[in-house]
C-alpha atoms as a PDB file:
ATOM      1  CA  MET A   1     120.320 157.718  99.452  1.00  0.00           C
ATOM      2  CA  LYS A   2     118.017 160.558  98.603  1.00  0.00           C
ATOM      3  CA  ASP A   3     114.660 160.030  96.921  1.00  0.00           C
ATOM      4  CA  LYS A   4     115.881 161.355  93.607  1.00  0.00           C
ATOM      5  CA  VAL A   5     119.208 161.438  91.876  1.00  0.00           C
ATOM      6  CA  LYS A   6     120.152 163.998  89.274  1.00  0.00           C
ATOM      7  CA  LYS A   7     121.495 163.450  85.802  1.00  0.00           C
ATOM      8  CA  GLY A   8     125.268 163.891  85.890  1.00  0.00           C
ATOM      9  CA  GLU A   9     125.580 163.068  89.595  1.00  0.00           C
ATOM     10  CA  HIS A  10     128.700 161.010  90.439  1.00  0.00           C
ATOM     11  CA  LEU A  11     128.038 158.261  93.014  1.00  0.00           C
ATOM     12  CA  LEU A  12     129.184 154.888  94.263  1.00  0.00           C
ATOM     13  CA  VAL A  13     126.972 152.249  92.657  1.00  0.00           C
ATOM     14  CA  GLN A  14     126.772 148.551  93.452  1.00  0.00           C
ATOM     15  CA  TRP A  15     127.758 146.491  90.413  1.00  0.00           C
ATOM     16  CA  LYS A  16     125.243 143.710  89.830  1.00  0.00           C
ATOM     17  CA  HIS A  17     127.956 141.105  89.120  1.00  0.00           C
ATOM     18  CA  ASP A  18     129.825 141.309  92.451  1.00  0.00           C
ATOM     19  CA  GLU A  19     129.597 142.774  95.954  1.00  0.00           C
ATOM     20  CA  PHE A  20     131.649 145.912  95.261  1.00  0.00           C
ATOM     21  CA  TRP A  21     130.627 149.536  94.783  1.00  0.00           C
ATOM     22  CA  TYR A  22     132.201 151.473  91.911  1.00  0.00           C
ATOM     23  CA  PRO A  23     132.136 155.130  90.862  1.00  0.00           C
ATOM     24  CA  ALA A  24     129.440 155.868  88.294  1.00  0.00           C
ATOM     25  CA  THR A  25     127.586 158.796  86.743  1.00  0.00           C
ATOM     26  CA  VAL A  26     123.793 159.012  86.477  1.00  0.00           C
ATOM     27  CA  LEU A  27     122.735 159.094  82.825  1.00  0.00           C
ATOM     28  CA  ARG A  28     118.968 159.167  83.298  1.00  0.00           C
ATOM     29  CA  HIS A  29     116.244 158.580  85.837  1.00  0.00           C
ATOM     30  CA  ASP A  30     112.804 157.073  85.201  1.00  0.00           C
ATOM     31  CA  ARG A  31     110.425 156.831  88.173  1.00  0.00           C
ATOM     32  CA  ASP A  32     108.103 154.477  86.251  1.00  0.00           C
ATOM     33  CA  LEU A  33     110.647 151.651  86.312  1.00  0.00           C
ATOM     34  CA  GLU A  34     111.544 149.463  89.308  1.00  0.00           C
ATOM     35  CA  GLN A  35     115.218 149.671  88.349  1.00  0.00           C
ATOM     36  CA  CYS A  36     114.747 153.359  87.692  1.00  0.00           C
ATOM     37  CA  THR A  37     118.215 154.853  87.270  1.00  0.00           C
ATOM     38  CA  TYR A  38     120.595 154.211  84.388  1.00  0.00           C
ATOM     39  CA  VAL A  39     124.280 154.771  85.203  1.00  0.00           C
ATOM     40  CA  ARG A  40     127.636 154.629  83.442  1.00  0.00           C
ATOM     41  CA  PHE A  41     130.518 153.344  85.523  1.00  0.00           C
ATOM     42  CA  ASP A  42     133.842 155.126  85.207  1.00  0.00           C
ATOM     43  CA  ASP A  43     135.197 152.121  83.263  1.00  0.00           C
ATOM     44  CA  GLY A  44     132.411 152.537  80.659  1.00  0.00           C
ATOM     45  CA  ASP A  45     130.040 149.735  81.710  1.00  0.00           C
ATOM     46  CA  LYS A  46     126.361 150.684  82.098  1.00  0.00           C
ATOM     47  CA  GLN A  47     123.445 149.268  84.084  1.00  0.00           C
ATOM     48  CA  TRP A  48     119.982 150.029  85.432  1.00  0.00           C
ATOM     49  CA  CYS A  49     119.786 150.165  89.236  1.00  0.00           C
ATOM     50  CA  ASN A  50     117.562 151.321  92.067  1.00  0.00           C
ATOM     51  CA  LEU A  51     118.188 153.919  94.760  1.00  0.00           C
ATOM     52  CA  GLN A  52     119.287 151.254  97.287  1.00  0.00           C
ATOM     53  CA  GLN A  53     122.231 150.445  95.016  1.00  0.00           C
ATOM     54  CA  MET A  54     123.594 154.014  95.142  1.00  0.00           C
ATOM     55  CA  LEU A  55     125.622 155.835  97.790  1.00  0.00           C
ATOM     56  CA  PRO A  56     127.353 159.197  97.953  1.00  0.00           C
ATOM     57  CA  ILE A  57     131.090 159.104  97.386  1.00  0.00           C
ATOM     58  CA  ASP A  58     132.242 159.216 100.989  1.00  0.00           C
ATOM     59  CA  ILE A  59     135.718 157.674 100.945  1.00  0.00           C
ATOM     60  CA  GLU A  60     137.811 159.098 103.784  1.00  0.00           C
ATOM     61  CA  VAL A  61     141.230 158.683 105.408  1.00  0.00           C
ATOM     62  CA  GLY A  62     141.408 155.317 107.166  1.00  0.00           C
ATOM     63  CA  ASP A  63     138.935 153.569 104.850  1.00  0.00           C
ATOM     64  CA  ARG A  64     139.880 150.224 103.384  1.00  0.00           C
ATOM     65  CA  VAL A  65     139.387 149.955  99.646  1.00  0.00           C
ATOM     66  CA  HIS A  66     140.528 147.841  96.720  1.00  0.00           C
ATOM     67  CA  ALA A  67     142.426 149.560  93.936  1.00  0.00           C
ATOM     68  CA  ARG A  68     144.657 148.947  90.973  1.00  0.00           C
ATOM     69  CA  TRP A  69     148.333 149.264  91.857  1.00  0.00           C
ATOM     70  CA  ASN A  70     150.226 151.058  89.047  1.00  0.00           C
ATOM     71  CA  GLY A  71     147.154 150.704  86.830  1.00  0.00           C
ATOM     72  CA  GLU A  72     147.428 146.912  86.695  1.00  0.00           C
ATOM     73  CA  ASP A  73     144.277 144.851  86.081  1.00  0.00           C
ATOM     74  CA  ASP A  74     143.958 143.277  89.550  1.00  0.00           C
ATOM     75  CA  TYR A  75     142.376 145.140  92.452  1.00  0.00           C
ATOM     76  CA  LEU A  76     144.468 144.881  95.626  1.00  0.00           C
ATOM     77  CA  PRO A  77     143.537 145.809  99.202  1.00  0.00           C
ATOM     78  CA  ALA A  78     144.687 149.281 100.219  1.00  0.00           C
ATOM     79  CA  LEU A  79     144.266 151.824 102.998  1.00  0.00           C
ATOM     80  CA  VAL A  80     143.353 155.464 102.271  1.00  0.00           C
ATOM     81  CA  GLU A  81     146.078 157.694 103.753  1.00  0.00           C
ATOM     82  CA  LYS A  82     145.225 161.077 102.179  1.00  0.00           C
ATOM     83  CA  VAL A  83     142.411 162.589 100.153  1.00  0.00           C
ATOM     84  CA  SER A  84     143.209 165.374  97.692  1.00  0.00           C
ATOM     85  CA  ASP A  85     141.577 168.713  98.518  1.00  0.00           C
ATOM     86  CA  ASP A  86     139.210 168.623  95.554  1.00  0.00           C
ATOM     87  CA  ARG A  87     139.287 164.832  95.150  1.00  0.00           C
ATOM     88  CA  SER A  88     140.031 165.207  91.430  1.00  0.00           C
ATOM     89  CA  ASP A  89     143.629 164.131  92.068  1.00  0.00           C
ATOM     90  CA  GLY A  90     142.348 161.073  93.865  1.00  0.00           C
ATOM     91  CA  TYR A  91     143.499 159.343  96.983  1.00  0.00           C
ATOM     92  CA  GLN A  92     146.896 158.460  98.393  1.00  0.00           C
ATOM     93  CA  LEU A  93     146.691 154.753  99.119  1.00  0.00           C
ATOM     94  CA  HIS A  94     148.991 152.423 101.005  1.00  0.00           C
ATOM     95  CA  PHE A  95     149.236 148.986  99.400  1.00  0.00           C
ATOM     96  CA  PRO A  96     150.648 146.458 101.911  1.00  0.00           C
ATOM     97  CA  GLY A  97     153.931 145.031 100.662  1.00  0.00           C
ATOM     98  CA  LYS A  98     154.040 147.381  97.676  1.00  0.00           C
ATOM     99  CA  GLY A  99     154.104 150.998  98.826  1.00  0.00           C
ATOM    100  CA  GLU A 100     152.050 154.130  98.342  1.00  0.00           C
ATOM    101  CA  GLU A 101     150.672 155.917  95.321  1.00  0.00           C
ATOM    102  CA  TRP A 102     148.022 158.451  94.337  1.00  0.00           C
ATOM    103  CA  THR A 103     145.104 156.643  92.749  1.00  0.00           C
ATOM    104  CA  PRO A 104     142.105 158.134  90.943  1.00  0.00           C
ATOM    105  CA  LEU A 105     138.633 157.115  92.038  1.00  0.00           C
ATOM    106  CA  SER A 106     138.101 155.397  88.685  1.00  0.00           C
ATOM    107  CA  MET A 107     140.747 152.819  89.683  1.00  0.00           C
ATOM    108  CA  MET A 108     139.072 151.975  93.004  1.00  0.00           C
ATOM    109  CA  ARG A 109     136.192 149.899  94.346  1.00  0.00           C
ATOM    110  CA  VAL A 110     134.787 149.709  97.855  1.00  0.00           C
ATOM    111  CA  THR A 111     132.658 147.482 100.038  1.00  0.00           C
ATOM    112  CA  ARG A 112     129.816 148.769 102.181  1.00  0.00           C
END
């Protein structure tokens, strides 16, 4: 990750309560703090984190992710089959045993 992140930047951030990375937006950055960046996850949760806990959003065709099928609460394993041109429409995912659907990034989590 770069030395500095910008306010408003949308990234994958490691949630401190599990091993997954979730989409989040940088709210502020303070170089004087060890955990120097404050982020808001797409689901509304917030946390302080350091640069090692942030990655660019680099989800591509063939990646394995976990996502919410039909907006349900549980995250299920899925395979990315297509990425929308501007990514705002999300990702077409294949859920084994369930089918395919377009899923927004806010309904996904990844491992790295």
